[in-house]
Amino acid sequence: MENSFLIADDVTGIPGLELQALFEELLRFLMSSFRLAGLYATAPFFGATSIPVQVRVVATMITSFVIYMNVDIPNVQDIPAAILLGVVGQELLLGVSAGLVLTIIFAAAVLAGEKIAASSGLGFAAQVDPNSGGQTPVISQFLSLFLLVTFLTLNGHLEVIAMIFASYEAIPVGAGFDQSILVSEGIDAGSTLFAVASVIMMPLVVTLLLANIVF
C-alpha cells in the first residue's frame, strides 16, 4: 500500500513534460488566439455565416498555432488576473477592429448597389442577405459577390493574415497602445466606404441620368 502511494506521488504529468509547464504553454497559446478570433468573427469571408462555425474555429486554432510558434508571447503566469482580463479585452478589440474596418470597406458594394437599384427602378428586386439578415437589392448582392471574388483572386485573404502577423510585431501581446488610433482608422474606413461606392456607382448613375434627360 505504501508503494502504491509513492507511485501515485511520482505521476505528475506526461513523461518529459511538467503539467505546470503544459498549462503555461496552453495559456500562451490561448493568448495568441484572441486577436485572430476577433478578426475571424467580424471580417468579411472569414466571418461569413455561410462558413460553418467548426471551420472557423479550426482555422483560428491552426493560424493561432502558427503565431504561437513564431511570435514571442509573454508568460501569462507573471500577469495579475485583473491586468490579464484587460489584455484579453485589448486583443479582442484589435481583432474586432480590423474585421470591422474590412467590413465597412466591403459595404461599399452594398451601398453602390442600393443607389444603382434606386436610380434604375430595380429597388423592388430584393432578397434576404444571408450575411446581414436584411433585405438588400439583388444588384448589391451581385456587386458584393464580385468584390469578394476579386478579393480572393488577388490573395486579399492572405494579405489580411499577413497584416495580423505584422500586428503582433507592431503591438505585442500585453503592450499598450493609443486606442484613439482605432477611432481614426474607423473614420478613415468610413470615408473610403463612400469614396469606393461613388466610384462604383457613378458611371451607371450618370448614364441613367443622361438617358432620362435625353428621352
C-alpha atoms as a PDB file:
ATOM      1  CA  MET A   1       0.000   0.000   0.000  1.00  0.00           C
ATOM      2  CA  GLU A   2       2.838   2.355   0.849  1.00  0.00           C
ATOM      3  CA  ASN A   3       4.484   1.634  -2.506  1.00  0.00           C
ATOM      4  CA  SER A   4       1.269   2.477  -4.357  1.00  0.00           C
ATOM      5  CA  PHE A   5       1.145   5.913  -2.678  1.00  0.00           C
ATOM      6  CA  LEU A   6       4.758   6.514  -3.703  1.00  0.00           C
ATOM      7  CA  ILE A   7       3.937   5.651  -7.324  1.00  0.00           C
ATOM      8  CA  ALA A   8       0.930   7.992  -7.264  1.00  0.00           C
ATOM      9  CA  ASP A   9       3.094  10.838  -5.962  1.00  0.00           C
ATOM     10  CA  ASP A  10       5.581  10.311  -8.783  1.00  0.00           C
ATOM     11  CA  VAL A  11       2.924  10.636 -11.511  1.00  0.00           C
ATOM     12  CA  THR A  12       2.831  14.394 -12.125  1.00  0.00           C
ATOM     13  CA  GLY A  13       2.054  14.564 -15.819  1.00  0.00           C
ATOM     14  CA  ILE A  14       3.142  13.467 -19.247  1.00  0.00           C
ATOM     15  CA  PRO A  15       6.638  11.890 -19.208  1.00  0.00           C
ATOM     16  CA  GLY A  16       9.168  14.556 -20.126  1.00  0.00           C
ATOM     17  CA  LEU A  17       6.674  17.404 -19.695  1.00  0.00           C
ATOM     18  CA  GLU A  18       5.613  19.020 -16.439  1.00  0.00           C
ATOM     19  CA  LEU A  19       1.901  19.697 -16.053  1.00  0.00           C
ATOM     20  CA  GLN A  20       2.635  23.233 -14.864  1.00  0.00           C
ATOM     21  CA  ALA A  21       4.704  23.926 -17.975  1.00  0.00           C
ATOM     22  CA  LEU A  22       1.981  22.397 -20.148  1.00  0.00           C
ATOM     23  CA  PHE A  23      -0.618  24.658 -18.520  1.00  0.00           C
ATOM     24  CA  GLU A  24       1.552  27.738 -19.077  1.00  0.00           C
ATOM     25  CA  GLU A  25       2.058  26.896 -22.751  1.00  0.00           C
ATOM     26  CA  LEU A  26      -1.678  26.335 -23.160  1.00  0.00           C
ATOM     27  CA  LEU A  27      -2.373  29.791 -21.720  1.00  0.00           C
ATOM     28  CA  ARG A  28       0.185  31.340 -24.066  1.00  0.00           C
ATOM     29  CA  PHE A  29      -1.495  29.587 -26.987  1.00  0.00           C
ATOM     30  CA  LEU A  30      -4.886  30.959 -25.936  1.00  0.00           C
ATOM     31  CA  MET A  31      -3.447  34.469 -25.634  1.00  0.00           C
ATOM     32  CA  SER A  32      -2.217  34.218 -29.222  1.00  0.00           C
ATOM     33  CA  SER A  33      -5.691  33.260 -30.467  1.00  0.00           C
ATOM     34  CA  PHE A  34      -7.881  36.091 -29.124  1.00  0.00           C
ATOM     35  CA  ARG A  35      -6.816  38.648 -31.733  1.00  0.00           C
ATOM     36  CA  LEU A  36      -7.434  36.171 -34.543  1.00  0.00           C
ATOM     37  CA  ALA A  37     -10.769  35.126 -33.052  1.00  0.00           C
ATOM     38  CA  GLY A  38     -11.947  38.744 -33.131  1.00  0.00           C
ATOM     39  CA  LEU A  39     -10.869  39.084 -36.759  1.00  0.00           C
ATOM     40  CA  TYR A  40     -12.432  35.817 -37.922  1.00  0.00           C
ATOM     41  CA  ALA A  41     -15.704  36.669 -36.172  1.00  0.00           C
ATOM     42  CA  THR A  42     -16.219  40.037 -37.880  1.00  0.00           C
ATOM     43  CA  ALA A  43     -14.240  40.173 -41.128  1.00  0.00           C
ATOM     44  CA  PRO A  44     -15.943  39.505 -44.468  1.00  0.00           C
ATOM     45  CA  PHE A  45     -15.421  35.992 -45.862  1.00  0.00           C
ATOM     46  CA  PHE A  46     -13.746  34.871 -42.613  1.00  0.00           C
ATOM     47  CA  GLY A  47     -16.854  35.599 -40.558  1.00  0.00           C
ATOM     48  CA  ALA A  48     -19.453  34.782 -43.213  1.00  0.00           C
ATOM     49  CA  THR A  49     -22.438  32.835 -41.922  1.00  0.00           C
ATOM     50  CA  SER A  50     -22.128  30.526 -44.931  1.00  0.00           C
ATOM     51  CA  ILE A  51     -18.902  29.160 -43.436  1.00  0.00           C
ATOM     52  CA  PRO A  52     -19.649  26.631 -40.660  1.00  0.00           C
ATOM     53  CA  VAL A  53     -18.598  27.600 -37.151  1.00  0.00           C
ATOM     54  CA  GLN A  54     -16.485  24.446 -36.901  1.00  0.00           C
ATOM     55  CA  VAL A  55     -14.444  25.512 -39.927  1.00  0.00           C
ATOM     56  CA  ARG A  56     -13.867  28.973 -38.453  1.00  0.00           C
ATOM     57  CA  VAL A  57     -12.811  27.504 -35.111  1.00  0.00           C
ATOM     58  CA  VAL A  58     -10.356  25.103 -36.767  1.00  0.00           C
ATOM     59  CA  ALA A  59      -8.960  27.905 -38.962  1.00  0.00           C
ATOM     60  CA  THR A  60      -8.500  30.089 -35.880  1.00  0.00           C
ATOM     61  CA  MET A  61      -6.717  27.316 -33.986  1.00  0.00           C
ATOM     62  CA  ILE A  62      -4.395  26.462 -36.887  1.00  0.00           C
ATOM     63  CA  THR A  63      -3.445  30.090 -37.524  1.00  0.00           C
ATOM     64  CA  SER A  64      -3.054  30.704 -33.790  1.00  0.00           C
ATOM     65  CA  PHE A  65      -0.682  27.752 -33.550  1.00  0.00           C
ATOM     66  CA  VAL A  66       1.496  29.232 -36.305  1.00  0.00           C
ATOM     67  CA  ILE A  67       1.534  32.566 -34.462  1.00  0.00           C
ATOM     68  CA  TYR A  68       2.246  30.803 -31.165  1.00  0.00           C
ATOM     69  CA  MET A  69       5.284  29.107 -32.707  1.00  0.00           C
ATOM     70  CA  ASN A  70       6.698  32.263 -34.315  1.00  0.00           C
ATOM     71  CA  VAL A  71       5.678  35.173 -32.058  1.00  0.00           C
ATOM     72  CA  ASP A  72       7.006  35.931 -28.597  1.00  0.00           C
ATOM     73  CA  ILE A  73       4.025  35.626 -26.236  1.00  0.00           C
ATOM     74  CA  PRO A  74       4.638  36.791 -22.629  1.00  0.00           C
ATOM     75  CA  ASN A  75       4.328  34.354 -19.740  1.00  0.00           C
ATOM     76  CA  VAL A  76       0.729  34.666 -18.577  1.00  0.00           C
ATOM     77  CA  GLN A  77       1.607  33.453 -15.082  1.00  0.00           C
ATOM     78  CA  ASP A  78       3.505  36.690 -14.435  1.00  0.00           C
ATOM     79  CA  ILE A  79       0.478  38.896 -15.258  1.00  0.00           C
ATOM     80  CA  PRO A  80      -2.023  39.687 -12.449  1.00  0.00           C
ATOM     81  CA  ALA A  81      -5.575  38.477 -13.040  1.00  0.00           C
ATOM     82  CA  ALA A  82      -7.069  41.994 -13.266  1.00  0.00           C
ATOM     83  CA  ILE A  83      -4.491  43.086 -15.837  1.00  0.00           C
ATOM     84  CA  LEU A  84      -4.872  39.788 -17.699  1.00  0.00           C
ATOM     85  CA  LEU A  85      -8.559  40.496 -18.308  1.00  0.00           C
ATOM     86  CA  GLY A  86      -7.621  43.871 -19.764  1.00  0.00           C
ATOM     87  CA  VAL A  87      -5.044  42.228 -22.038  1.00  0.00           C
ATOM     88  CA  VAL A  88      -7.636  39.730 -23.291  1.00  0.00           C
ATOM     89  CA  GLY A  89     -10.078  42.578 -23.956  1.00  0.00           C
ATOM     90  CA  GLN A  90      -7.391  44.522 -25.802  1.00  0.00           C
ATOM     91  CA  GLU A  91      -6.567  41.531 -28.004  1.00  0.00           C
ATOM     92  CA  LEU A  92     -10.226  41.020 -28.865  1.00  0.00           C
ATOM     93  CA  LEU A  93     -10.607  44.754 -29.547  1.00  0.00           C
ATOM     94  CA  LEU A  94      -7.711  44.733 -32.003  1.00  0.00           C
ATOM     95  CA  GLY A  95      -9.086  41.748 -33.908  1.00  0.00           C
ATOM     96  CA  VAL A  96     -12.663  43.031 -33.977  1.00  0.00           C
ATOM     97  CA  SER A  97     -11.498  46.489 -35.099  1.00  0.00           C
ATOM     98  CA  ALA A  98      -9.525  45.020 -38.004  1.00  0.00           C
ATOM     99  CA  GLY A  99     -12.509  42.911 -39.040  1.00  0.00           C
ATOM    100  CA  LEU A 100     -14.947  45.820 -38.819  1.00  0.00           C
ATOM    101  CA  VAL A 101     -12.699  48.056 -40.927  1.00  0.00           C
ATOM    102  CA  LEU A 102     -12.721  45.404 -43.662  1.00  0.00           C
ATOM    103  CA  THR A 103     -16.489  45.021 -43.301  1.00  0.00           C
ATOM    104  CA  ILE A 104     -17.000  48.779 -43.687  1.00  0.00           C
ATOM    105  CA  ILE A 105     -14.910  48.812 -46.865  1.00  0.00           C
ATOM    106  CA  PHE A 106     -16.799  45.811 -48.290  1.00  0.00           C
ATOM    107  CA  ALA A 107     -20.070  47.607 -47.538  1.00  0.00           C
ATOM    108  CA  ALA A 108     -19.198  49.981 -50.391  1.00  0.00           C
ATOM    109  CA  ALA A 109     -20.542  47.391 -52.843  1.00  0.00           C
ATOM    110  CA  VAL A 110     -23.844  47.200 -50.943  1.00  0.00           C
ATOM    111  CA  LEU A 111     -24.192  50.992 -50.840  1.00  0.00           C
ATOM    112  CA  ALA A 112     -23.377  51.329 -54.531  1.00  0.00           C
ATOM    113  CA  GLY A 113     -25.872  48.595 -55.416  1.00  0.00           C
ATOM    114  CA  GLU A 114     -28.636  50.298 -53.453  1.00  0.00           C
ATOM    115  CA  LYS A 115     -28.069  53.617 -55.224  1.00  0.00           C
ATOM    116  CA  ILE A 116     -27.926  51.938 -58.631  1.00  0.00           C
ATOM    117  CA  ALA A 117     -31.108  49.980 -57.895  1.00  0.00           C
ATOM    118  CA  ALA A 118     -32.918  53.123 -56.758  1.00  0.00           C
ATOM    119  CA  SER A 119     -31.843  55.043 -59.874  1.00  0.00           C
ATOM    120  CA  SER A 120     -32.766  52.264 -62.307  1.00  0.00           C
ATOM    121  CA  GLY A 121     -36.086  51.289 -60.743  1.00  0.00           C
ATOM    122  CA  LEU A 122     -34.820  47.891 -59.603  1.00  0.00           C
ATOM    123  CA  GLY A 123     -35.148  48.607 -55.903  1.00  0.00           C
ATOM    124  CA  PHE A 124     -38.077  46.192 -55.667  1.00  0.00           C
ATOM    125  CA  ALA A 125     -35.837  43.294 -56.780  1.00  0.00           C
ATOM    126  CA  ALA A 126     -34.523  42.448 -53.324  1.00  0.00           C
ATOM    127  CA  GLN A 127     -33.879  39.302 -51.370  1.00  0.00           C
ATOM    128  CA  VAL A 128     -32.583  38.333 -47.953  1.00  0.00           C
ATOM    129  CA  ASP A 129     -28.866  38.888 -47.499  1.00  0.00           C
ATOM    130  CA  PRO A 130     -27.501  35.831 -45.626  1.00  0.00           C
ATOM    131  CA  ASN A 131     -24.768  37.921 -44.001  1.00  0.00           C
ATOM    132  CA  SER A 132     -26.823  40.831 -42.667  1.00  0.00           C
ATOM    133  CA  GLY A 133     -30.189  39.076 -42.457  1.00  0.00           C
ATOM    134  CA  GLY A 134     -31.952  42.053 -44.057  1.00  0.00           C
ATOM    135  CA  GLN A 135     -33.446  42.795 -47.457  1.00  0.00           C
ATOM    136  CA  THR A 136     -30.888  44.087 -49.958  1.00  0.00           C
ATOM    137  CA  PRO A 137     -31.208  44.683 -53.709  1.00  0.00           C
ATOM    138  CA  VAL A 138     -30.037  41.896 -55.979  1.00  0.00           C
ATOM    139  CA  ILE A 139     -27.605  44.332 -57.595  1.00  0.00           C
ATOM    140  CA  SER A 140     -25.974  44.889 -54.185  1.00  0.00           C
ATOM    141  CA  GLN A 141     -25.542  41.167 -53.675  1.00  0.00           C
ATOM    142  CA  PHE A 142     -24.101  40.786 -57.172  1.00  0.00           C
ATOM    143  CA  LEU A 143     -21.574  43.571 -56.570  1.00  0.00           C
ATOM    144  CA  SER A 144     -20.701  42.150 -53.143  1.00  0.00           C
ATOM    145  CA  LEU A 145     -20.073  38.718 -54.646  1.00  0.00           C
ATOM    146  CA  PHE A 146     -17.980  40.239 -57.433  1.00  0.00           C
ATOM    147  CA  LEU A 147     -15.937  42.212 -54.896  1.00  0.00           C
ATOM    148  CA  LEU A 148     -15.413  39.102 -52.751  1.00  0.00           C
ATOM    149  CA  VAL A 149     -14.261  37.028 -55.746  1.00  0.00           C
ATOM    150  CA  THR A 150     -11.856  39.801 -56.750  1.00  0.00           C
ATOM    151  CA  PHE A 151     -10.592  39.998 -53.160  1.00  0.00           C
ATOM    152  CA  LEU A 152      -9.873  36.264 -53.050  1.00  0.00           C
ATOM    153  CA  THR A 153      -8.386  36.201 -56.562  1.00  0.00           C
ATOM    154  CA  LEU A 154      -5.887  38.900 -55.586  1.00  0.00           C
ATOM    155  CA  ASN A 155      -4.995  36.899 -52.439  1.00  0.00           C
ATOM    156  CA  GLY A 156      -6.510  39.550 -50.225  1.00  0.00           C
ATOM    157  CA  HIS A 157      -7.254  36.946 -47.551  1.00  0.00           C
ATOM    158  CA  LEU A 158      -3.550  36.109 -47.374  1.00  0.00           C
ATOM    159  CA  GLU A 159      -2.718  39.803 -47.075  1.00  0.00           C
ATOM    160  CA  VAL A 160      -5.148  40.089 -44.160  1.00  0.00           C
ATOM    161  CA  ILE A 161      -3.480  37.174 -42.375  1.00  0.00           C
ATOM    162  CA  ALA A 162      -0.056  38.707 -43.062  1.00  0.00           C
ATOM    163  CA  MET A 163      -1.341  42.002 -41.643  1.00  0.00           C
ATOM    164  CA  ILE A 164      -2.397  40.238 -38.439  1.00  0.00           C
ATOM    165  CA  PHE A 165       1.029  38.590 -38.181  1.00  0.00           C
ATOM    166  CA  ALA A 166       2.666  42.009 -38.576  1.00  0.00           C
ATOM    167  CA  SER A 167       0.386  43.454 -35.896  1.00  0.00           C
ATOM    168  CA  TYR A 168       1.980  41.153 -33.311  1.00  0.00           C
ATOM    169  CA  GLU A 169       5.307  42.860 -34.016  1.00  0.00           C
ATOM    170  CA  ALA A 170       3.856  46.376 -34.035  1.00  0.00           C
ATOM    171  CA  ILE A 171       1.661  45.796 -30.954  1.00  0.00           C
ATOM    172  CA  PRO A 172       2.897  42.771 -28.981  1.00  0.00           C
ATOM    173  CA  VAL A 173       0.523  40.899 -26.705  1.00  0.00           C
ATOM    174  CA  GLY A 174       0.148  42.859 -23.467  1.00  0.00           C
ATOM    175  CA  ALA A 175       1.737  46.040 -24.842  1.00  0.00           C
ATOM    176  CA  GLY A 176      -0.203  49.276 -24.527  1.00  0.00           C
ATOM    177  CA  PHE A 177      -1.088  51.486 -27.478  1.00  0.00           C
ATOM    178  CA  ASP A 178      -3.003  54.658 -28.258  1.00  0.00           C
ATOM    179  CA  GLN A 179      -6.581  53.434 -28.677  1.00  0.00           C
ATOM    180  CA  SER A 180      -7.599  56.670 -30.390  1.00  0.00           C
ATOM    181  CA  ILE A 181      -5.870  55.210 -33.451  1.00  0.00           C
ATOM    182  CA  LEU A 182      -8.759  52.741 -33.745  1.00  0.00           C
ATOM    183  CA  VAL A 183     -11.234  55.626 -33.875  1.00  0.00           C
ATOM    184  CA  SER A 184      -9.278  57.450 -36.574  1.00  0.00           C
ATOM    185  CA  GLU A 185      -8.932  54.256 -38.619  1.00  0.00           C
ATOM    186  CA  GLY A 186     -12.683  53.687 -38.350  1.00  0.00           C
ATOM    187  CA  ILE A 187     -13.350  57.222 -39.612  1.00  0.00           C
ATOM    188  CA  ASP A 188     -10.913  56.695 -42.489  1.00  0.00           C
ATOM    189  CA  ALA A 189     -12.666  53.421 -43.346  1.00  0.00           C
ATOM    190  CA  GLY A 190     -15.992  55.273 -43.459  1.00  0.00           C
ATOM    191  CA  SER A 191     -14.510  57.826 -45.847  1.00  0.00           C
ATOM    192  CA  THR A 192     -13.171  55.005 -48.007  1.00  0.00           C
ATOM    193  CA  LEU A 193     -16.648  53.437 -47.991  1.00  0.00           C
ATOM    194  CA  PHE A 194     -18.279  56.467 -49.628  1.00  0.00           C
ATOM    195  CA  ALA A 195     -15.346  57.065 -51.981  1.00  0.00           C
ATOM    196  CA  VAL A 196     -15.336  53.482 -53.301  1.00  0.00           C
ATOM    197  CA  ALA A 197     -19.142  53.399 -53.517  1.00  0.00           C
ATOM    198  CA  SER A 198     -19.076  56.609 -55.571  1.00  0.00           C
ATOM    199  CA  VAL A 199     -16.504  55.169 -57.964  1.00  0.00           C
ATOM    200  CA  ILE A 200     -18.586  52.003 -58.444  1.00  0.00           C
ATOM    201  CA  MET A 201     -21.980  53.627 -58.917  1.00  0.00           C
ATOM    202  CA  MET A 202     -21.093  56.895 -60.674  1.00  0.00           C
ATOM    203  CA  PRO A 203     -20.795  55.559 -64.276  1.00  0.00           C
ATOM    204  CA  LEU A 204     -24.164  53.785 -64.165  1.00  0.00           C
ATOM    205  CA  VAL A 205     -25.961  56.539 -62.267  1.00  0.00           C
ATOM    206  CA  VAL A 206     -24.688  59.243 -64.633  1.00  0.00           C
ATOM    207  CA  THR A 207     -25.607  57.110 -67.664  1.00  0.00           C
ATOM    208  CA  LEU A 208     -29.137  56.580 -66.341  1.00  0.00           C
ATOM    209  CA  LEU A 209     -29.454  60.293 -65.582  1.00  0.00           C
ATOM    210  CA  LEU A 210     -28.404  61.254 -69.111  1.00  0.00           C
ATOM    211  CA  ALA A 211     -30.795  58.672 -70.565  1.00  0.00           C
ATOM    212  CA  ASN A 212     -33.674  60.167 -68.590  1.00  0.00           C
ATOM    213  CA  ILE A 213     -32.764  63.675 -69.730  1.00  0.00           C
ATOM    214  CA  VAL A 214     -32.463  62.720 -73.402  1.00  0.00           C
ATOM    215  CA  PHE A 215     -35.557  60.540 -73.564  1.00  0.00           C
END
